[in-house]
C-alpha atoms as a PDB file:
ATOM      1  CA  MET A   1     257.056 146.727 178.620  1.00  0.00           C
ATOM      2  CA  ILE A   2     257.309 150.704 177.222  1.00  0.00           C
ATOM      3  CA  ARG A   3     257.479 149.021 174.119  1.00  0.00           C
ATOM      4  CA  LEU A   4     254.243 147.297 174.427  1.00  0.00           C
ATOM      5  CA  ILE A   5     252.697 150.585 175.837  1.00  0.00           C
ATOM      6  CA  LEU A   6     254.272 152.204 172.498  1.00  0.00           C
ATOM      7  CA  ALA A   7     252.615 148.966 170.299  1.00  0.00           C
ATOM      8  CA  LEU A   8     249.037 150.309 171.596  1.00  0.00           C
ATOM      9  CA  LEU A   9     249.417 154.324 171.597  1.00  0.00           C
ATOM     10  CA  ILE A  10     252.049 154.656 168.702  1.00  0.00           C
ATOM     11  CA  PRO A  11     251.979 151.340 166.850  1.00  0.00           C
ATOM     12  CA  TRP A  12     254.200 152.569 163.596  1.00  0.00           C
ATOM     13  CA  PHE A  13     257.247 153.987 166.188  1.00  0.00           C
ATOM     14  CA  VAL A  14     257.862 150.058 167.693  1.00  0.00           C
ATOM     15  CA  PHE A  15     259.024 148.726 164.559  1.00  0.00           C
ATOM     16  CA  PHE A  16     261.395 151.955 164.492  1.00  0.00           C
ATOM     17  CA  THR A  17     262.702 150.564 167.651  1.00  0.00           C
ATOM     18  CA  ILE A  18     263.051 147.103 166.536  1.00  0.00           C
ATOM     19  CA  GLY A  19     265.093 147.808 163.097  1.00  0.00           C
ATOM     20  CA  LYS A  20     262.239 147.299 160.739  1.00  0.00           C
ATOM     21  CA  PRO A  21     261.579 150.943 159.038  1.00  0.00           C
ATOM     22  CA  ILE A  22     259.952 149.548 156.112  1.00  0.00           C
ATOM     23  CA  GLN A  23     257.131 148.110 158.077  1.00  0.00           C
ATOM     24  CA  GLY A  24     257.098 150.963 160.330  1.00  0.00           C
ATOM     25  CA  LEU A  25     256.393 153.180 157.415  1.00  0.00           C
ATOM     26  CA  ILE A  26     253.716 150.531 156.282  1.00  0.00           C
ATOM     27  CA  CYS A  27     252.220 150.746 159.618  1.00  0.00           C
ATOM     28  CA  LEU A  28     252.338 154.523 159.658  1.00  0.00           C
ATOM     29  CA  VAL A  29     250.237 154.686 156.492  1.00  0.00           C
ATOM     30  CA  LEU A  30     247.537 152.045 157.919  1.00  0.00           C
ATOM     31  CA  GLN A  31     247.598 153.841 161.431  1.00  0.00           C
ATOM     32  CA  LEU A  32     246.322 157.349 159.512  1.00  0.00           C
ATOM     33  CA  THR A  33     242.998 155.620 159.314  1.00  0.00           C
ATOM     34  CA  LEU A  34     241.153 155.447 162.481  1.00  0.00           C
ATOM     35  CA  ILE A  35     239.970 152.169 161.625  1.00  0.00           C
ATOM     36  CA  GLY A  36     243.365 151.266 160.568  1.00  0.00           C
ATOM     37  CA  TRP A  37     244.548 152.207 164.333  1.00  0.00           C
ATOM     38  CA  ILE A  38     243.256 148.856 165.968  1.00  0.00           C
ATOM     39  CA  PRO A  39     245.112 146.335 163.386  1.00  0.00           C
ATOM     40  CA  ALA A  40     248.405 148.290 163.291  1.00  0.00           C
ATOM     41  CA  ALA A  41     248.508 148.280 167.096  1.00  0.00           C
ATOM     42  CA  ILE A  42     248.017 144.391 166.848  1.00  0.00           C
ATOM     43  CA  TRP A  43     250.787 144.124 164.165  1.00  0.00           C
ATOM     44  CA  ALA A  44     253.054 146.177 166.245  1.00  0.00           C
ATOM     45  CA  VAL A  45     252.267 143.577 169.355  1.00  0.00           C
ATOM     46  CA  TRP A  46     252.687 140.888 167.465  1.00  0.00           C
ATOM     47  CA  ALA A  47     255.908 142.172 165.630  1.00  0.00           C
ATOM     48  CA  LEU A  48     257.310 142.935 169.161  1.00  0.00           C
ATOM     49  CA  ASN A  49     256.126 139.774 170.670  1.00  0.00           C
ATOM     50  CA  ASN A  50     258.326 137.782 167.753  1.00  0.00           C
ATOM     51  CA  TYR A  51     261.224 140.352 168.294  1.00  0.00           C
ATOM     52  CA  THR A  52     261.353 139.539 171.823  1.00  0.00           C
ATOM     53  CA  THR A  53     261.365 135.650 171.377  1.00  0.00           C
ATOM     54  CA  ASP A  54     264.104 135.762 169.218  1.00  0.00           C
ATOM     55  CA  LYS A  55     266.107 137.577 171.333  1.00  0.00           C
ATOM     56  CA  LYS A  56     265.466 135.252 174.131  1.00  0.00           C
ATOM     57  CA  ILE A  57     266.547 132.288 171.511  1.00  0.00           C
ATOM     58  CA  ALA A  58     269.808 134.300 170.403  1.00  0.00           C
ATOM     59  CA  GLN A  59     270.888 134.840 174.417  1.00  0.00           C
ATOM     60  CA  ALA A  60     269.948 130.799 175.275  1.00  0.00           C
ATOM     61  CA  GLY A  61     272.793 130.237 172.331  1.00  0.00           C
ATOM     62  CA  MET A  62     270.091 128.521 169.984  1.00  0.00           C
ATOM     63  CA  GLY A  63     270.857 130.616 167.080  1.00  0.00           C
ATOM     64  CA  GLY A  64     267.349 131.963 165.793  1.00  0.00           C
ATOM     65  CA  MET A  65     266.820 133.540 162.470  1.00  0.00           C
ATOM     66  CA  PRO A  66     269.402 136.296 160.678  1.00  0.00           C
ATOM     67  CA  GLY A  67     267.425 139.080 160.688  1.00  0.00           C
ATOM     68  CA  GLY A  68     265.192 138.385 163.642  1.00  0.00           C
ATOM     69  CA  ASP A  69     262.122 138.265 161.692  1.00  0.00           C
ATOM     70  CA  GLY A  70     260.986 134.434 161.820  1.00  0.00           C
ATOM     71  CA  GLY A  71     261.324 134.107 158.246  1.00  0.00           C
ATOM     72  CA  ASP A  72     257.578 135.042 157.571  1.00  0.00           C
ATOM     73  CA  SER A  73     257.142 138.388 156.736  1.00  0.00           C
END
């Protein structure tokens, strides 16, 4: 829940918390424009959702993609 709030308020920071610093820097550059804030927040929420789903799959013992990015980054 805290990460979801962070994804809306500070989108770039969420990428650092899920272990994707390069995407975090790209998101920060996008967020620096006022128009880019909304796409950055959407991207952060989407990435957080994928991270959460990958963790649940791994906990269920079904494996998951190495790196936790779902394979389409």
